[in-house]
Amino acid sequence: MRILTLNVNGIRAAARKGLFPWLTRQRADAVCLQEVRAGGAHLDRREFRPPSFHCRYLEGARPGYSGVALLSRRPPDEVVEGLGWPDVDQEARYLEGRFGNVAVISLYIPSGTSGEARQAVKMDFLERFAGHLERLRTSGRECVICGDFNIAHKPIDLKNWRSNQKNSGFLPEERAWLDRVFGELGFVDAFRVVNQAPEQYTWWSNRGQAWAKNVGWRLDYQVVTPGLARRVRAAKIYTRKRFSDHAPLIMDYDLDL
C-alpha cells in the first residue's frame, strides 16, 4: 500500500507545475491533498480528475481558501466529510475514506502564524481533535492520518529550532500536543519508524533562499495506529521537482488497500 500526502498550496498552481502527470506515475493507492484552494467548476475539469483515480474534493465556504482531497485507486466504501464541527468544517479540513478495515484521512490543521487570534483557533482545534483521535483509536479500524499538521515535533524536525521556540509551529504547547498523540493516545509517526535522519524536511519558506539552503521544517506527517506501524516499509520525501512550498511525503506499507 503506497500513500502519498502533499499540501499543494493551491491545486491550480500545482497543476501548472506538472503535479498530475507526476502523480499518475507514483503508483500510489491513495493520495491526500491539502490547501486545495479551489472549488466548484474549477475542480470539475479533467486535469483535476485523472482517470486512474477516484477523486473526492472537499471545499470550504470561503472561496480560494483551505480545502482537502482524497484520490484513490479504488472507491472508498464510505466517505466522511468533516468532523461535525461547523466552525472547522466550513474551512474543509478533514476528509476520511474508509476502505474495509483501513481509514485514510486527509487533514489540514490550522496555522497560527498570522497572529494570536488564529493561534487560539489552532490550539482549540488541537484540543478538540485529540478527542477525535481517541475515537479513531478505539474504532477498530487501522488509520492513516495524512497531512499538514503545521507543527514540527522535535529539534531534529526543523533547521533553526533554537530561534523558533517562540514561533507558531514549534511552540512548547504544540509540541506537547504531539507528545500526547504519540504517547498517551497511542499513535505513531510513521516516517520516523523507518527514517531517523536529521534534515528531513517537507516545507521551506519562500524567503531567504530557504529551499536552496535546505532551511526547512517537517510539518507533513503520516500518523498511524500501532497495527500499521509494524507494517511501515519505506518513506520518501520527494524533492526532485517542486509543486508547492511543501514536498510530497510518500510511504509504503505492507498491506493492501
C-alpha atoms as a PDB file:
ATOM      1  CA  MET A   1       0.000   0.000   0.000  1.00  0.00           C
ATOM      2  CA  ARG A   2       1.507   3.310  -1.090  1.00  0.00           C
ATOM      3  CA  ILE A   3       0.092   6.525   0.343  1.00  0.00           C
ATOM      4  CA  LEU A   4       1.183   9.990  -0.701  1.00  0.00           C
ATOM      5  CA  THR A   5       0.380  13.276   1.031  1.00  0.00           C
ATOM      6  CA  LEU A   6       1.053  16.840  -0.131  1.00  0.00           C
ATOM      7  CA  ASN A   7      -0.032  20.344   0.781  1.00  0.00           C
ATOM      8  CA  VAL A   8      -0.404  21.714  -2.761  1.00  0.00           C
ATOM      9  CA  ASN A   9      -0.708  25.395  -1.706  1.00  0.00           C
ATOM     10  CA  GLY A  10      -3.274  25.874  -4.459  1.00  0.00           C
ATOM     11  CA  ILE A  11      -4.127  22.970  -6.720  1.00  0.00           C
ATOM     12  CA  ARG A  12      -4.323  25.093  -9.851  1.00  0.00           C
ATOM     13  CA  ALA A  13      -0.776  26.381  -9.333  1.00  0.00           C
ATOM     14  CA  ALA A  14       0.470  22.860  -8.567  1.00  0.00           C
ATOM     15  CA  ALA A  15      -1.225  21.533 -11.698  1.00  0.00           C
ATOM     16  CA  ARG A  16       0.558  24.129 -13.826  1.00  0.00           C
ATOM     17  CA  LYS A  17       3.822  22.811 -12.385  1.00  0.00           C
ATOM     18  CA  GLY A  18       3.057  19.272 -13.563  1.00  0.00           C
ATOM     19  CA  LEU A  19       1.575  17.729 -10.422  1.00  0.00           C
ATOM     20  CA  PHE A  20      -0.981  15.431 -12.024  1.00  0.00           C
ATOM     21  CA  PRO A  21       1.201  13.729 -14.662  1.00  0.00           C
ATOM     22  CA  TRP A  22       3.724  13.134 -11.882  1.00  0.00           C
ATOM     23  CA  LEU A  23       1.050  11.773  -9.533  1.00  0.00           C
ATOM     24  CA  THR A  24      -0.141   9.182 -12.020  1.00  0.00           C
ATOM     25  CA  ARG A  25       3.401   7.788 -12.240  1.00  0.00           C
ATOM     26  CA  GLN A  26       3.817   7.279  -8.477  1.00  0.00           C
ATOM     27  CA  ARG A  27       1.712   4.090  -8.232  1.00  0.00           C
ATOM     28  CA  ALA A  28       0.018   5.417  -5.109  1.00  0.00           C
ATOM     29  CA  ASP A  29      -3.057   3.637  -3.825  1.00  0.00           C
ATOM     30  CA  ALA A  30      -4.216   6.809  -2.093  1.00  0.00           C
ATOM     31  CA  VAL A  31      -3.253  10.468  -2.392  1.00  0.00           C
ATOM     32  CA  CYS A  32      -4.143  13.034   0.260  1.00  0.00           C
ATOM     33  CA  LEU A  33      -4.007  16.712  -0.707  1.00  0.00           C
ATOM     34  CA  GLN A  34      -4.380  19.778   1.479  1.00  0.00           C
ATOM     35  CA  GLU A  35      -4.816  23.507   0.887  1.00  0.00           C
ATOM     36  CA  VAL A  36      -6.552  22.805  -2.416  1.00  0.00           C
ATOM     37  CA  ARG A  37      -7.881  26.390  -2.532  1.00  0.00           C
ATOM     38  CA  ALA A  38     -10.342  25.761  -5.363  1.00  0.00           C
ATOM     39  CA  GLY A  39     -13.881  24.552  -5.808  1.00  0.00           C
ATOM     40  CA  GLY A  40     -16.949  24.347  -7.960  1.00  0.00           C
ATOM     41  CA  ALA A  41     -16.458  24.267 -11.701  1.00  0.00           C
ATOM     42  CA  HIS A  42     -12.667  24.522 -11.336  1.00  0.00           C
ATOM     43  CA  LEU A  43     -12.486  21.035  -9.835  1.00  0.00           C
ATOM     44  CA  ASP A  44     -14.763  19.520 -12.462  1.00  0.00           C
ATOM     45  CA  ARG A  45     -12.054  19.928 -15.083  1.00  0.00           C
ATOM     46  CA  ARG A  46     -10.443  16.733 -16.354  1.00  0.00           C
ATOM     47  CA  GLU A  47      -6.947  17.776 -15.320  1.00  0.00           C
ATOM     48  CA  PHE A  48      -8.024  17.558 -11.653  1.00  0.00           C
ATOM     49  CA  ARG A  49      -9.700  14.174 -12.088  1.00  0.00           C
ATOM     50  CA  PRO A  50      -7.176  11.746 -13.608  1.00  0.00           C
ATOM     51  CA  PRO A  51      -8.923   8.588 -14.838  1.00  0.00           C
ATOM     52  CA  SER A  52      -6.673   6.327 -12.781  1.00  0.00           C
ATOM     53  CA  PHE A  53      -8.131   7.740  -9.542  1.00  0.00           C
ATOM     54  CA  HIS A  54     -11.455   8.094  -7.843  1.00  0.00           C
ATOM     55  CA  CYS A  55     -11.380  11.745  -6.760  1.00  0.00           C
ATOM     56  CA  ARG A  56     -13.125  13.314  -3.795  1.00  0.00           C
ATOM     57  CA  TYR A  57     -12.671  17.012  -3.112  1.00  0.00           C
ATOM     58  CA  LEU A  58     -13.952  18.893  -0.084  1.00  0.00           C
ATOM     59  CA  GLU A  59     -14.178  22.655  -0.473  1.00  0.00           C
ATOM     60  CA  GLY A  60     -14.751  25.252   2.197  1.00  0.00           C
ATOM     61  CA  ALA A  61     -17.250  28.078   2.399  1.00  0.00           C
ATOM     62  CA  ARG A  62     -14.627  30.730   1.679  1.00  0.00           C
ATOM     63  CA  PRO A  63     -13.524  30.658  -1.987  1.00  0.00           C
ATOM     64  CA  GLY A  64      -9.833  30.066  -2.601  1.00  0.00           C
ATOM     65  CA  TYR A  65      -9.098  29.038   0.982  1.00  0.00           C
ATOM     66  CA  SER A  66      -8.159  25.706   2.596  1.00  0.00           C
ATOM     67  CA  GLY A  67      -9.824  22.547   1.226  1.00  0.00           C
ATOM     68  CA  VAL A  68      -8.706  18.906   1.196  1.00  0.00           C
ATOM     69  CA  ALA A  69      -8.888  15.999  -1.228  1.00  0.00           C
ATOM     70  CA  LEU A  70      -8.595  12.223  -1.337  1.00  0.00           C
ATOM     71  CA  LEU A  71      -7.706  10.414  -4.558  1.00  0.00           C
ATOM     72  CA  SER A  72      -7.720   6.609  -4.516  1.00  0.00           C
ATOM     73  CA  ARG A  73      -7.249   3.741  -6.946  1.00  0.00           C
ATOM     74  CA  ARG A  74     -10.478   2.158  -5.802  1.00  0.00           C
ATOM     75  CA  PRO A  75     -13.523   3.988  -4.472  1.00  0.00           C
ATOM     76  CA  PRO A  76     -13.843   4.146  -0.700  1.00  0.00           C
ATOM     77  CA  ASP A  77     -16.531   2.011   0.863  1.00  0.00           C
ATOM     78  CA  GLU A  78     -17.567   5.058   2.868  1.00  0.00           C
ATOM     79  CA  VAL A  79     -16.564   8.722   2.997  1.00  0.00           C
ATOM     80  CA  VAL A  80     -16.751  11.058   5.992  1.00  0.00           C
ATOM     81  CA  GLU A  81     -16.672  14.752   5.144  1.00  0.00           C
ATOM     82  CA  GLY A  82     -15.750  16.962   8.068  1.00  0.00           C
ATOM     83  CA  LEU A  83     -15.681  16.495  11.815  1.00  0.00           C
ATOM     84  CA  GLY A  84     -19.192  17.668  12.611  1.00  0.00           C
ATOM     85  CA  TRP A  85     -17.865  20.968  13.965  1.00  0.00           C
ATOM     86  CA  PRO A  86     -19.429  23.818  11.933  1.00  0.00           C
ATOM     87  CA  ASP A  87     -16.656  26.333  12.633  1.00  0.00           C
ATOM     88  CA  VAL A  88     -13.999  23.896  11.400  1.00  0.00           C
ATOM     89  CA  ASP A  89     -15.982  22.194   8.670  1.00  0.00           C
ATOM     90  CA  GLN A  90     -16.656  25.485   6.904  1.00  0.00           C
ATOM     91  CA  GLU A  91     -12.881  25.547   6.279  1.00  0.00           C
ATOM     92  CA  ALA A  92     -12.878  21.981   4.844  1.00  0.00           C
ATOM     93  CA  ARG A  93     -10.011  20.492   6.848  1.00  0.00           C
ATOM     94  CA  TYR A  94     -10.959  16.812   7.240  1.00  0.00           C
ATOM     95  CA  LEU A  95     -11.820  14.110   4.707  1.00  0.00           C
ATOM     96  CA  GLU A  96     -11.863  10.410   5.617  1.00  0.00           C
ATOM     97  CA  GLY A  97     -12.110   7.480   3.234  1.00  0.00           C
ATOM     98  CA  ARG A  98     -12.813   4.024   4.623  1.00  0.00           C
ATOM     99  CA  PHE A  99     -11.506   1.005   2.747  1.00  0.00           C
ATOM    100  CA  GLY A 100     -12.582  -2.122   4.572  1.00  0.00           C
ATOM    101  CA  ASN A 101     -10.761  -2.043   7.902  1.00  0.00           C
ATOM    102  CA  VAL A 102      -8.450   0.847   6.934  1.00  0.00           C
ATOM    103  CA  ALA A 103      -9.279   4.560   7.103  1.00  0.00           C
ATOM    104  CA  VAL A 104      -7.187   7.064   5.128  1.00  0.00           C
ATOM    105  CA  ILE A 105      -7.633  10.659   6.254  1.00  0.00           C
ATOM    106  CA  SER A 106      -6.580  13.922   4.614  1.00  0.00           C
ATOM    107  CA  LEU A 107      -6.101  16.512   7.363  1.00  0.00           C
ATOM    108  CA  TYR A 108      -5.144  20.174   7.296  1.00  0.00           C
ATOM    109  CA  ILE A 109      -4.542  21.557  10.786  1.00  0.00           C
ATOM    110  CA  PRO A 110      -4.909  25.354  11.070  1.00  0.00           C
ATOM    111  CA  SER A 111      -1.831  27.545  11.066  1.00  0.00           C
ATOM    112  CA  GLY A 112      -1.255  30.089  13.791  1.00  0.00           C
ATOM    113  CA  THR A 113       1.387  32.147  12.037  1.00  0.00           C
ATOM    114  CA  SER A 114      -0.890  35.078  11.156  1.00  0.00           C
ATOM    115  CA  GLY A 115      -1.362  36.177  14.751  1.00  0.00           C
ATOM    116  CA  GLU A 116      -2.717  35.463  18.212  1.00  0.00           C
ATOM    117  CA  ALA A 117      -6.324  35.029  17.103  1.00  0.00           C
ATOM    118  CA  ARG A 118      -5.505  32.241  14.653  1.00  0.00           C
ATOM    119  CA  GLN A 119      -3.104  30.631  17.129  1.00  0.00           C
ATOM    120  CA  ALA A 120      -6.012  30.440  19.565  1.00  0.00           C
ATOM    121  CA  VAL A 121      -8.114  28.811  16.834  1.00  0.00           C
ATOM    122  CA  LYS A 122      -5.307  26.314  16.231  1.00  0.00           C
ATOM    123  CA  MET A 123      -4.982  25.385  19.896  1.00  0.00           C
ATOM    124  CA  ASP A 124      -8.754  24.960  20.215  1.00  0.00           C
ATOM    125  CA  PHE A 125      -8.699  22.678  17.170  1.00  0.00           C
ATOM    126  CA  LEU A 126      -5.879  20.596  18.635  1.00  0.00           C
ATOM    127  CA  GLU A 127      -7.699  20.108  21.924  1.00  0.00           C
ATOM    128  CA  ARG A 128     -10.901  19.005  20.229  1.00  0.00           C
ATOM    129  CA  PHE A 129      -9.078  16.863  17.697  1.00  0.00           C
ATOM    130  CA  ALA A 130      -7.389  14.909  20.491  1.00  0.00           C
ATOM    131  CA  GLY A 131     -10.845  13.653  21.437  1.00  0.00           C
ATOM    132  CA  HIS A 132     -11.481  12.652  17.828  1.00  0.00           C
ATOM    133  CA  LEU A 133      -8.168  10.792  17.778  1.00  0.00           C
ATOM    134  CA  GLU A 134      -9.269   8.825  20.827  1.00  0.00           C
ATOM    135  CA  ARG A 135     -12.410   7.804  18.969  1.00  0.00           C
ATOM    136  CA  LEU A 136     -10.394   6.776  15.924  1.00  0.00           C
ATOM    137  CA  ARG A 137      -8.007   4.788  18.101  1.00  0.00           C
ATOM    138  CA  THR A 138     -10.849   2.748  19.563  1.00  0.00           C
ATOM    139  CA  SER A 139     -12.897   2.430  16.360  1.00  0.00           C
ATOM    140  CA  GLY A 140     -11.483  -0.973  15.445  1.00  0.00           C
ATOM    141  CA  ARG A 141     -10.063   0.385  12.192  1.00  0.00           C
ATOM    142  CA  GLU A 142      -6.445   0.913  11.288  1.00  0.00           C
ATOM    143  CA  CYS A 143      -5.964   4.594  10.435  1.00  0.00           C
ATOM    144  CA  VAL A 144      -3.502   6.616   8.372  1.00  0.00           C
ATOM    145  CA  ILE A 145      -3.883  10.320   9.120  1.00  0.00           C
ATOM    146  CA  CYS A 146      -2.078  12.234   6.395  1.00  0.00           C
ATOM    147  CA  GLY A 147      -1.476  15.897   6.078  1.00  0.00           C
ATOM    148  CA  ASP A 148      -0.073  19.216   7.084  1.00  0.00           C
ATOM    149  CA  PHE A 149      -0.034  19.322  10.885  1.00  0.00           C
ATOM    150  CA  ASN A 150       1.644  22.760  10.963  1.00  0.00           C
ATOM    151  CA  ILE A 151       3.829  21.572  13.855  1.00  0.00           C
ATOM    152  CA  ALA A 152       7.448  20.414  13.913  1.00  0.00           C
ATOM    153  CA  HIS A 153       7.683  17.872  16.708  1.00  0.00           C
ATOM    154  CA  LYS A 154      11.319  17.861  17.837  1.00  0.00           C
ATOM    155  CA  PRO A 155      14.503  19.879  17.250  1.00  0.00           C
ATOM    156  CA  ILE A 156      15.520  17.358  14.594  1.00  0.00           C
ATOM    157  CA  ASP A 157      12.423  18.360  12.619  1.00  0.00           C
ATOM    158  CA  LEU A 158      13.459  21.905  11.710  1.00  0.00           C
ATOM    159  CA  LYS A 159      16.701  23.602  10.817  1.00  0.00           C
ATOM    160  CA  ASN A 160      16.708  26.582  13.205  1.00  0.00           C
ATOM    161  CA  TRP A 161      14.947  25.179  16.232  1.00  0.00           C
ATOM    162  CA  ARG A 162      16.596  27.417  18.824  1.00  0.00           C
ATOM    163  CA  SER A 163      15.367  30.632  17.222  1.00  0.00           C
ATOM    164  CA  ASN A 164      11.858  29.258  16.583  1.00  0.00           C
ATOM    165  CA  GLN A 165      10.851  28.190  20.077  1.00  0.00           C
ATOM    166  CA  LYS A 166       8.516  31.188  20.434  1.00  0.00           C
ATOM    167  CA  ASN A 167       7.058  30.875  16.936  1.00  0.00           C
ATOM    168  CA  SER A 168       3.870  29.111  15.901  1.00  0.00           C
ATOM    169  CA  GLY A 169       4.686  25.661  14.635  1.00  0.00           C
ATOM    170  CA  PHE A 170       7.302  24.969  17.306  1.00  0.00           C
ATOM    171  CA  LEU A 171       5.698  26.286  20.471  1.00  0.00           C
ATOM    172  CA  PRO A 172       6.087  24.129  23.591  1.00  0.00           C
ATOM    173  CA  GLU A 173       2.322  23.602  23.856  1.00  0.00           C
ATOM    174  CA  GLU A 174       2.099  22.460  20.222  1.00  0.00           C
ATOM    175  CA  ARG A 175       4.962  20.037  20.639  1.00  0.00           C
ATOM    176  CA  ALA A 176       3.430  18.759  23.887  1.00  0.00           C
ATOM    177  CA  TRP A 177       0.237  18.016  21.942  1.00  0.00           C
ATOM    178  CA  LEU A 178       2.216  15.826  19.530  1.00  0.00           C
ATOM    179  CA  ASP A 179       3.884  14.172  22.521  1.00  0.00           C
ATOM    180  CA  ARG A 180       0.371  13.280  23.667  1.00  0.00           C
ATOM    181  CA  VAL A 181      -0.622  11.990  20.215  1.00  0.00           C
ATOM    182  CA  PHE A 182       2.448   9.746  20.061  1.00  0.00           C
ATOM    183  CA  GLY A 183       2.274   8.845  23.749  1.00  0.00           C
ATOM    184  CA  GLU A 184      -0.989   8.710  25.660  1.00  0.00           C
ATOM    185  CA  LEU A 185      -3.175   8.465  22.525  1.00  0.00           C
ATOM    186  CA  GLY A 186      -1.064   5.650  21.105  1.00  0.00           C
ATOM    187  CA  PHE A 187      -0.472   6.842  17.533  1.00  0.00           C
ATOM    188  CA  VAL A 188       2.843   6.522  15.679  1.00  0.00           C
ATOM    189  CA  ASP A 189       4.817   8.946  13.496  1.00  0.00           C
ATOM    190  CA  ALA A 190       5.207   6.519  10.579  1.00  0.00           C
ATOM    191  CA  PHE A 191       8.054   8.413   8.918  1.00  0.00           C
ATOM    192  CA  ARG A 192      10.267   8.086  11.990  1.00  0.00           C
ATOM    193  CA  VAL A 193       9.684   4.334  12.116  1.00  0.00           C
ATOM    194  CA  VAL A 194      11.992   3.956   9.120  1.00  0.00           C
ATOM    195  CA  ASN A 195      13.918   7.253   8.961  1.00  0.00           C
ATOM    196  CA  GLN A 196      15.645   8.771  11.988  1.00  0.00           C
ATOM    197  CA  ALA A 197      17.953  11.041   9.996  1.00  0.00           C
ATOM    198  CA  PRO A 198      18.213  14.809  10.528  1.00  0.00           C
ATOM    199  CA  GLU A 199      17.394  17.419   7.866  1.00  0.00           C
ATOM    200  CA  GLN A 200      14.299  15.586   6.642  1.00  0.00           C
ATOM    201  CA  TYR A 201      12.019  18.497   5.840  1.00  0.00           C
ATOM    202  CA  THR A 202       8.721  18.864   3.983  1.00  0.00           C
ATOM    203  CA  TRP A 203       8.247  22.668   3.975  1.00  0.00           C
ATOM    204  CA  TRP A 204      10.506  25.600   3.156  1.00  0.00           C
ATOM    205  CA  SER A 205       9.755  29.296   3.413  1.00  0.00           C
ATOM    206  CA  ASN A 206       9.738  31.239   0.174  1.00  0.00           C
ATOM    207  CA  ARG A 207      12.032  33.790   1.807  1.00  0.00           C
ATOM    208  CA  GLY A 208      15.789  33.883   2.203  1.00  0.00           C
ATOM    209  CA  GLN A 209      16.718  31.040  -0.167  1.00  0.00           C
ATOM    210  CA  ALA A 210      15.365  28.535   2.341  1.00  0.00           C
ATOM    211  CA  TRP A 211      14.852  25.874  -0.328  1.00  0.00           C
ATOM    212  CA  ALA A 212      18.342  26.277  -1.813  1.00  0.00           C
ATOM    213  CA  LYS A 213      19.925  26.145   1.653  1.00  0.00           C
ATOM    214  CA  ASN A 214      17.580  23.400   2.931  1.00  0.00           C
ATOM    215  CA  VAL A 215      16.401  25.554   5.826  1.00  0.00           C
ATOM    216  CA  GLY A 216      13.162  23.687   6.319  1.00  0.00           C
ATOM    217  CA  TRP A 217      10.580  22.220   8.662  1.00  0.00           C
ATOM    218  CA  ARG A 218       8.981  18.753   8.798  1.00  0.00           C
ATOM    219  CA  LEU A 219       5.315  19.743   9.016  1.00  0.00           C
ATOM    220  CA  ASP A 220       3.726  16.945   6.973  1.00  0.00           C
ATOM    221  CA  TYR A 221       3.051  13.575   8.548  1.00  0.00           C
ATOM    222  CA  GLN A 222       1.516  10.167   8.148  1.00  0.00           C
ATOM    223  CA  VAL A 223       0.289   9.306  11.625  1.00  0.00           C
ATOM    224  CA  VAL A 224      -0.834   5.699  12.057  1.00  0.00           C
ATOM    225  CA  THR A 225      -2.422   3.338  14.533  1.00  0.00           C
ATOM    226  CA  PRO A 226       0.028   0.869  16.141  1.00  0.00           C
ATOM    227  CA  GLY A 227      -1.057  -2.040  13.954  1.00  0.00           C
ATOM    228  CA  LEU A 228       0.120  -0.172  10.876  1.00  0.00           C
ATOM    229  CA  ALA A 229       3.371   0.950  12.499  1.00  0.00           C
ATOM    230  CA  ARG A 230       4.571  -2.635  12.225  1.00  0.00           C
ATOM    231  CA  ARG A 231       3.801  -2.564   8.505  1.00  0.00           C
ATOM    232  CA  VAL A 232       5.771   0.553   7.510  1.00  0.00           C
ATOM    233  CA  ARG A 233       8.303  -0.419   4.858  1.00  0.00           C
ATOM    234  CA  ALA A 234       9.639   2.781   3.262  1.00  0.00           C
ATOM    235  CA  ALA A 235       9.398   6.565   3.378  1.00  0.00           C
ATOM    236  CA  LYS A 236      10.475   9.200   0.905  1.00  0.00           C
ATOM    237  CA  ILE A 237      10.269  12.987   0.766  1.00  0.00           C
ATOM    238  CA  TYR A 238      10.255  13.876  -2.927  1.00  0.00           C
ATOM    239  CA  THR A 239      12.346  16.969  -3.692  1.00  0.00           C
ATOM    240  CA  ARG A 240      13.457  16.498  -7.285  1.00  0.00           C
ATOM    241  CA  LYS A 241      10.666  18.755  -8.553  1.00  0.00           C
ATOM    242  CA  ARG A 242       8.689  21.425  -6.717  1.00  0.00           C
ATOM    243  CA  PHE A 243       4.913  21.589  -6.993  1.00  0.00           C
ATOM    244  CA  SER A 244       4.404  23.685  -3.852  1.00  0.00           C
ATOM    245  CA  ASP A 245       6.258  25.161  -0.884  1.00  0.00           C
ATOM    246  CA  HIS A 246       5.696  21.689   0.628  1.00  0.00           C
ATOM    247  CA  ALA A 247       7.183  18.429  -0.665  1.00  0.00           C
ATOM    248  CA  PRO A 248       5.275  15.169  -1.185  1.00  0.00           C
ATOM    249  CA  LEU A 249       5.679  12.554   1.533  1.00  0.00           C
ATOM    250  CA  ILE A 250       5.408   9.043   0.078  1.00  0.00           C
ATOM    251  CA  MET A 251       5.133   5.979   2.299  1.00  0.00           C
ATOM    252  CA  ASP A 252       4.838   2.253   1.626  1.00  0.00           C
ATOM    253  CA  TYR A 253       3.075  -0.214   3.938  1.00  0.00           C
ATOM    254  CA  ASP A 254       2.944  -3.993   3.878  1.00  0.00           C
ATOM    255  CA  LEU A 255      -0.822  -4.023   3.434  1.00  0.00           C
ATOM    256  CA  ASP A 256      -3.387  -3.981   0.650  1.00  0.00           C
ATOM    257  CA  LEU A 257      -5.864  -1.131   0.446  1.00  0.00           C
END
